[in-house]
C-alpha cells in the first residue's frame, strides 16, 4: 500500500495509527503497547509491513516510548529535519511507505549514540523465540 490514498489508509489503520503515521502525530508517553515490551522479534511498519527495528537494539530510555539505538538496516528508515513545536529534531519515517514513526536523537547508548524514539502505534512486533 505504498501508493495508498488517505481513504485506503483510514480503512487499514485505526484512528490512532492514522493520526500518528499519516498525520505525524505522537502518542502520549508511557501509554504505547511496546514501550515496556521485552519480547524478542522484529518491529515492522504498521502501514506497510517493512522491517524497521530488531528487538536486540531496543533499550529502556526512560522516555515512555520504545527506543532503539539503530534501525534494522540503513535502508529501513529515513530522516528529515522537523522544526515543529518550536524544536529542531530529526523525524524518522519508514523508507518504504513514508509513514511517520517518531524522532531520532543523539543521546542514545553505544555503539551508535543514537536514540530512535518511536511511537508504538507505528509498529507491529513479529515475535520470535530468539533469546
N, C-alpha and C. Protein backbone atom coordinates (compact mmCIF):
# COMPACT_ATOMS: atom_id res chain seq x y z
N UNK A 1 0.82 -1.20 0.00
CA UNK A 1 0.00 0.00 0.00
C UNK A 1 0.86 1.26 0.00
N UNK A 2 2.01 1.21 -0.64
CA UNK A 2 2.87 2.38 -0.62
C UNK A 2 2.28 3.55 -1.39
N UNK A 3 1.39 3.29 -2.34
CA UNK A 3 0.75 4.36 -3.11
C UNK A 3 -0.69 4.59 -2.66
N UNK A 4 -1.00 4.22 -1.45
CA UNK A 4 -2.37 4.31 -0.95
C UNK A 4 -2.85 5.75 -0.82
N UNK A 5 -4.14 5.90 -0.94
CA UNK A 5 -4.76 7.20 -0.72
C UNK A 5 -5.12 7.32 0.75
N UNK A 6 -5.49 8.52 1.17
CA UNK A 6 -5.91 8.71 2.56
C UNK A 6 -7.08 7.80 2.91
N UNK A 7 -8.00 7.59 1.98
CA UNK A 7 -9.14 6.71 2.22
C UNK A 7 -8.67 5.28 2.50
N UNK A 8 -7.70 4.81 1.70
CA UNK A 8 -7.15 3.46 1.91
C UNK A 8 -6.51 3.35 3.29
N UNK A 9 -5.71 4.37 3.67
CA UNK A 9 -5.04 4.33 4.97
C UNK A 9 -6.07 4.34 6.09
N UNK A 10 -7.11 5.14 5.97
CA UNK A 10 -8.13 5.21 7.02
C UNK A 10 -8.86 3.88 7.19
N UNK A 11 -8.98 3.12 6.11
CA UNK A 11 -9.62 1.80 6.19
C UNK A 11 -8.69 0.77 6.81
N UNK A 12 -7.40 0.87 6.54
CA UNK A 12 -6.41 -0.10 7.02
C UNK A 12 -6.03 0.14 8.48
N UNK A 13 -5.91 1.40 8.89
CA UNK A 13 -5.37 1.76 10.20
C UNK A 13 -6.46 2.14 11.19
N UNK A 14 -6.14 2.00 12.47
CA UNK A 14 -7.04 2.53 13.50
C UNK A 14 -6.95 4.06 13.46
N UNK A 15 -7.91 4.76 14.04
CA UNK A 15 -7.81 6.23 14.07
C UNK A 15 -6.51 6.72 14.70
N UNK A 16 -6.05 6.07 15.77
CA UNK A 16 -4.80 6.46 16.43
C UNK A 16 -3.60 6.21 15.52
N UNK A 17 -3.56 5.06 14.86
CA UNK A 17 -2.47 4.77 13.93
C UNK A 17 -2.45 5.77 12.78
N UNK A 18 -3.62 6.11 12.27
CA UNK A 18 -3.70 7.07 11.17
C UNK A 18 -3.17 8.44 11.63
N UNK A 19 -3.60 8.89 12.80
CA UNK A 19 -3.18 10.20 13.31
C UNK A 19 -1.67 10.25 13.46
N UNK A 20 -1.08 9.19 13.96
CA UNK A 20 0.36 9.17 14.18
C UNK A 20 1.13 8.95 12.88
N UNK A 21 0.78 7.93 12.14
CA UNK A 21 1.55 7.54 10.96
C UNK A 21 1.35 8.44 9.74
N UNK A 22 0.14 8.88 9.53
CA UNK A 22 -0.15 9.64 8.31
C UNK A 22 -0.25 11.14 8.56
N UNK A 23 -0.51 11.54 9.83
CA UNK A 23 -0.64 12.97 10.15
C UNK A 23 0.49 13.45 11.06
N UNK A 24 1.51 12.62 11.26
CA UNK A 24 2.70 12.97 12.05
C UNK A 24 2.37 13.31 13.50
N UNK A 25 1.48 12.54 14.09
CA UNK A 25 1.12 12.73 15.48
C UNK A 25 2.09 12.01 16.40
N UNK A 26 1.82 12.10 17.70
CA UNK A 26 2.62 11.42 18.72
C UNK A 26 1.69 10.86 19.77
N UNK A 27 1.96 9.64 20.21
CA UNK A 27 1.18 9.08 21.30
C UNK A 27 1.70 9.64 22.62
N UNK A 28 0.86 9.66 23.62
CA UNK A 28 1.28 10.13 24.94
C UNK A 28 2.35 9.20 25.51
N UNK A 29 3.32 9.77 26.17
CA UNK A 29 4.39 8.98 26.79
C UNK A 29 3.80 7.97 27.77
N UNK A 30 4.43 6.82 27.85
CA UNK A 30 4.09 5.74 28.79
C UNK A 30 2.73 5.10 28.52
N UNK A 31 2.17 5.27 27.33
CA UNK A 31 0.87 4.69 27.01
C UNK A 31 0.93 3.65 25.89
N UNK A 32 1.97 3.62 25.11
CA UNK A 32 2.05 2.72 23.96
C UNK A 32 2.28 1.28 24.37
N UNK A 33 1.80 0.35 23.56
CA UNK A 33 1.88 -1.07 23.91
C UNK A 33 3.29 -1.64 23.90
N UNK A 34 4.25 -0.96 23.25
CA UNK A 34 5.59 -1.51 23.17
C UNK A 34 6.63 -0.80 24.03
N UNK A 35 6.27 0.25 24.75
CA UNK A 35 7.31 1.00 25.46
C UNK A 35 7.98 0.16 26.55
N UNK A 36 7.28 -0.79 27.17
CA UNK A 36 7.90 -1.67 28.17
C UNK A 36 8.04 -3.10 27.67
N UNK A 37 7.76 -3.34 26.44
CA UNK A 37 7.80 -4.69 25.88
C UNK A 37 9.23 -5.22 25.83
N UNK A 38 9.41 -6.45 26.31
CA UNK A 38 10.72 -7.10 26.25
C UNK A 38 10.69 -8.34 25.37
N UNK A 39 9.60 -8.55 24.64
CA UNK A 39 9.51 -9.69 23.74
C UNK A 39 10.54 -9.57 22.62
N UNK A 40 11.05 -10.69 22.19
CA UNK A 40 12.03 -10.73 21.11
C UNK A 40 11.33 -10.77 19.76
N UNK A 41 11.93 -10.12 18.78
CA UNK A 41 11.38 -10.15 17.44
C UNK A 41 11.78 -8.97 16.60
N UNK A 42 11.06 -8.83 15.51
CA UNK A 42 11.30 -7.75 14.55
C UNK A 42 10.11 -6.80 14.59
N UNK A 43 10.42 -5.52 14.75
CA UNK A 43 9.39 -4.48 14.71
C UNK A 43 9.22 -4.03 13.27
N UNK A 44 7.98 -4.14 12.80
CA UNK A 44 7.65 -3.79 11.41
C UNK A 44 6.78 -2.54 11.36
N UNK A 45 6.78 -1.89 10.21
CA UNK A 45 5.91 -0.74 9.98
C UNK A 45 4.47 -1.22 9.98
N UNK A 46 3.62 -0.58 10.78
CA UNK A 46 2.22 -0.98 10.86
C UNK A 46 1.49 -0.69 9.54
N UNK A 47 2.01 0.23 8.75
CA UNK A 47 1.36 0.60 7.49
C UNK A 47 1.68 -0.38 6.36
N UNK A 48 2.97 -0.69 6.18
CA UNK A 48 3.34 -1.49 5.00
C UNK A 48 4.02 -2.81 5.34
N UNK A 49 4.37 -3.03 6.60
CA UNK A 49 4.99 -4.29 6.99
C UNK A 49 6.49 -4.36 6.84
N UNK A 50 7.12 -3.28 6.41
CA UNK A 50 8.58 -3.28 6.24
C UNK A 50 9.28 -3.50 7.58
N UNK A 51 10.38 -4.24 7.57
CA UNK A 51 11.18 -4.46 8.77
C UNK A 51 11.89 -3.16 9.12
N UNK A 52 11.74 -2.73 10.39
CA UNK A 52 12.32 -1.46 10.82
C UNK A 52 13.38 -1.60 11.90
N UNK A 53 13.07 -2.34 12.97
CA UNK A 53 13.97 -2.45 14.12
C UNK A 53 13.97 -3.89 14.64
N UNK A 54 15.12 -4.31 15.14
CA UNK A 54 15.26 -5.61 15.79
C UNK A 54 15.19 -5.38 17.30
N UNK A 55 14.48 -6.23 18.01
CA UNK A 55 14.35 -6.08 19.46
C UNK A 55 15.72 -6.10 20.16
N UNK A 56 16.73 -6.66 19.52
CA UNK A 56 18.07 -6.71 20.11
C UNK A 56 18.67 -5.31 20.29
N UNK A 57 18.13 -4.32 19.56
CA UNK A 57 18.65 -2.95 19.65
C UNK A 57 17.73 -2.05 20.47
N UNK A 58 16.72 -2.63 21.10
CA UNK A 58 15.77 -1.87 21.93
C UNK A 58 16.35 -1.69 23.33
N UNK A 59 16.12 -0.52 23.91
CA UNK A 59 16.60 -0.25 25.27
C UNK A 59 15.61 0.64 26.00
N UNK A 60 15.70 0.65 27.31
CA UNK A 60 14.82 1.48 28.13
C UNK A 60 15.45 2.85 28.28
N UNK A 61 14.90 3.83 27.58
CA UNK A 61 15.44 5.19 27.62
C UNK A 61 14.83 6.02 28.74
N UNK A 62 13.76 5.49 29.36
CA UNK A 62 13.08 6.23 30.41
C UNK A 62 12.18 7.34 29.89
N UNK A 63 12.00 7.40 28.58
CA UNK A 63 11.21 8.48 27.97
C UNK A 63 9.73 8.15 27.82
N UNK A 64 9.38 6.86 27.90
CA UNK A 64 7.98 6.46 27.74
C UNK A 64 7.61 6.00 26.35
N UNK A 65 8.60 5.94 25.45
CA UNK A 65 8.37 5.43 24.10
C UNK A 65 9.38 4.32 23.83
N UNK A 66 9.03 3.38 22.96
CA UNK A 66 10.03 2.38 22.57
C UNK A 66 11.25 3.09 21.98
N UNK A 67 12.43 2.69 22.41
CA UNK A 67 13.66 3.32 21.93
C UNK A 67 14.61 2.25 21.42
N UNK A 68 15.27 2.56 20.33
CA UNK A 68 16.22 1.66 19.68
C UNK A 68 17.48 2.44 19.37
N UNK A 69 18.65 1.78 19.39
CA UNK A 69 19.87 2.51 19.07
C UNK A 69 20.26 2.43 17.59
N UNK A 70 19.54 1.61 16.80
CA UNK A 70 19.77 1.60 15.37
C UNK A 70 18.62 0.89 14.66
N UNK A 71 18.36 1.27 13.41
CA UNK A 71 17.36 0.55 12.63
C UNK A 71 17.91 -0.79 12.17
N UNK A 72 17.04 -1.63 11.64
CA UNK A 72 17.45 -2.96 11.21
C UNK A 72 18.44 -2.90 10.04
N UNK A 73 18.35 -1.85 9.23
CA UNK A 73 19.31 -1.60 8.15
C UNK A 73 19.31 -0.11 7.83
N UNK A 74 20.34 0.34 7.16
CA UNK A 74 20.42 1.76 6.78
C UNK A 74 19.29 2.15 5.84
N UNK A 75 18.77 1.20 5.09
CA UNK A 75 17.72 1.48 4.12
C UNK A 75 16.31 1.41 4.71
N UNK A 76 16.18 1.04 5.98
CA UNK A 76 14.86 0.83 6.58
C UNK A 76 14.12 2.13 6.87
N UNK A 77 14.84 3.15 7.34
CA UNK A 77 14.21 4.41 7.74
C UNK A 77 14.90 5.59 7.07
N UNK A 78 14.20 6.70 7.04
CA UNK A 78 14.73 7.96 6.54
C UNK A 78 14.65 9.00 7.63
N UNK A 79 15.48 10.00 7.54
CA UNK A 79 15.44 11.11 8.49
C UNK A 79 15.23 12.42 7.76
N UNK A 80 14.45 13.30 8.37
CA UNK A 80 14.16 14.60 7.77
C UNK A 80 14.06 15.64 8.89
N UNK A 81 14.57 16.82 8.65
CA UNK A 81 14.53 17.89 9.65
C UNK A 81 13.09 18.23 9.98
N UNK A 82 12.81 18.34 11.28
CA UNK A 82 11.47 18.67 11.78
C UNK A 82 11.61 19.88 12.71
N UNK A 83 10.99 20.99 12.32
CA UNK A 83 11.05 22.22 13.12
C UNK A 83 9.72 22.51 13.82
N UNK A 84 8.86 21.52 13.94
CA UNK A 84 7.55 21.72 14.56
C UNK A 84 7.68 21.89 16.07
N UNK A 85 6.68 22.49 16.67
CA UNK A 85 6.59 22.65 18.13
C UNK A 85 7.77 23.43 18.72
N UNK A 86 8.37 24.32 17.93
CA UNK A 86 9.45 25.15 18.42
C UNK A 86 10.74 24.41 18.71
N UNK A 87 10.90 23.21 18.14
CA UNK A 87 12.09 22.40 18.36
C UNK A 87 12.76 22.08 17.04
N UNK A 88 14.02 21.75 17.10
CA UNK A 88 14.75 21.25 15.94
C UNK A 88 15.07 19.79 16.20
N UNK A 89 14.41 18.90 15.45
CA UNK A 89 14.58 17.46 15.64
C UNK A 89 14.72 16.81 14.28
N UNK A 90 15.03 15.51 14.30
CA UNK A 90 15.05 14.74 13.07
C UNK A 90 13.91 13.74 13.12
N UNK A 91 12.97 13.91 12.20
CA UNK A 91 11.83 13.00 12.09
C UNK A 91 12.31 11.70 11.46
N UNK A 92 11.78 10.57 11.92
CA UNK A 92 12.09 9.26 11.36
C UNK A 92 10.84 8.76 10.64
N UNK A 93 11.03 8.35 9.38
CA UNK A 93 9.93 7.80 8.59
C UNK A 93 10.33 6.44 8.02
N UNK A 94 9.33 5.66 7.69
CA UNK A 94 9.55 4.38 7.02
C UNK A 94 10.02 4.67 5.60
N UNK A 95 11.15 4.10 5.23
CA UNK A 95 11.69 4.32 3.89
C UNK A 95 10.75 3.78 2.81
N UNK A 96 10.04 2.69 3.11
CA UNK A 96 9.20 2.04 2.12
C UNK A 96 7.91 2.80 1.82
N UNK A 97 7.25 3.34 2.86
CA UNK A 97 5.93 3.96 2.62
C UNK A 97 5.81 5.40 3.11
N UNK A 98 6.85 5.92 3.76
CA UNK A 98 6.82 7.30 4.23
C UNK A 98 6.07 7.52 5.52
N UNK A 99 5.67 6.46 6.19
CA UNK A 99 4.93 6.58 7.44
C UNK A 99 5.79 7.27 8.51
N UNK A 100 5.18 8.19 9.24
CA UNK A 100 5.85 8.83 10.38
C UNK A 100 6.00 7.81 11.49
N UNK A 101 7.21 7.68 12.02
CA UNK A 101 7.49 6.71 13.08
C UNK A 101 7.78 7.40 14.41
N UNK A 102 8.52 8.48 14.37
CA UNK A 102 8.94 9.18 15.58
C UNK A 102 10.10 10.10 15.27
N UNK A 103 11.08 10.16 16.18
CA UNK A 103 12.24 11.04 16.01
C UNK A 103 13.50 10.32 16.47
N UNK A 104 14.65 10.80 16.00
CA UNK A 104 15.94 10.26 16.43
C UNK A 104 16.73 11.39 17.10
N UNK A 105 17.40 11.03 18.20
CA UNK A 105 18.18 11.97 18.99
C UNK A 105 19.59 11.42 19.19
N UNK A 106 20.53 12.28 19.51
CA UNK A 106 21.92 11.84 19.66
C UNK A 106 22.32 11.61 21.12
N UNK A 107 21.38 11.12 21.92
CA UNK A 107 21.66 10.86 23.33
C UNK A 107 21.45 9.39 23.70
N UNK A 108 21.66 8.51 22.74
CA UNK A 108 21.46 7.08 22.97
C UNK A 108 22.73 6.38 23.41
N UNK A 109 22.62 5.08 23.66
CA UNK A 109 23.78 4.30 24.11
C UNK A 109 24.71 3.94 22.95
N UNK A 110 25.85 3.44 23.32
CA UNK A 110 26.77 2.90 22.31
C UNK A 110 26.22 1.56 21.84
N UNK A 111 26.45 1.13 20.64
CA UNK A 111 27.56 1.56 19.81
C UNK A 111 27.26 2.76 18.90
N UNK A 112 26.03 3.22 18.81
CA UNK A 112 25.72 4.30 17.86
C UNK A 112 25.60 5.68 18.50
N UNK A 113 25.24 5.72 19.77
CA UNK A 113 24.99 7.01 20.42
C UNK A 113 23.67 7.62 20.03
N UNK A 114 22.83 6.86 19.32
CA UNK A 114 21.54 7.36 18.85
C UNK A 114 20.39 6.76 19.65
N UNK A 115 19.30 7.53 19.72
CA UNK A 115 18.06 7.05 20.34
C UNK A 115 16.92 7.28 19.36
N UNK A 116 16.48 6.21 18.72
CA UNK A 116 15.31 6.26 17.86
C UNK A 116 14.09 6.13 18.76
N UNK A 117 13.40 7.22 18.97
CA UNK A 117 12.24 7.30 19.85
C UNK A 117 11.00 7.12 18.97
N UNK A 118 10.38 5.95 19.05
CA UNK A 118 9.38 5.53 18.07
C UNK A 118 8.02 5.31 18.73
N UNK A 119 6.97 5.75 18.08
CA UNK A 119 5.61 5.54 18.57
C UNK A 119 5.21 4.07 18.44
N UNK A 120 4.68 3.50 19.52
CA UNK A 120 4.20 2.11 19.47
C UNK A 120 3.16 1.92 18.38
N UNK A 121 2.29 2.91 18.19
CA UNK A 121 1.21 2.80 17.22
C UNK A 121 1.72 2.67 15.79
N UNK A 122 2.97 3.02 15.55
CA UNK A 122 3.56 2.92 14.21
C UNK A 122 4.20 1.57 13.97
N UNK A 123 4.21 0.72 15.00
CA UNK A 123 4.93 -0.55 14.94
C UNK A 123 4.01 -1.76 15.09
N UNK A 124 4.48 -2.86 14.56
CA UNK A 124 3.84 -4.16 14.74
C UNK A 124 4.97 -5.15 15.01
N UNK A 125 4.95 -5.79 16.17
CA UNK A 125 6.02 -6.72 16.54
C UNK A 125 5.74 -8.11 16.02
N UNK A 126 6.67 -8.62 15.23
CA UNK A 126 6.64 -10.02 14.80
C UNK A 126 7.54 -10.78 15.76
N UNK A 127 6.93 -11.48 16.70
CA UNK A 127 7.69 -12.16 17.75
C UNK A 127 8.43 -13.36 17.22
N UNK A 128 9.63 -13.58 17.83
CA UNK A 128 10.43 -14.76 17.53
C UNK A 128 10.79 -15.42 18.85
N UNK A 129 11.29 -16.63 18.80
CA UNK A 129 11.68 -17.33 20.02
C UNK A 129 13.12 -17.10 20.40
N UNK A 130 13.82 -16.21 19.67
CA UNK A 130 15.23 -15.96 19.96
C UNK A 130 15.43 -15.36 21.34
N UNK A 131 16.55 -15.71 21.96
CA UNK A 131 16.89 -15.12 23.27
C UNK A 131 17.79 -13.94 23.10
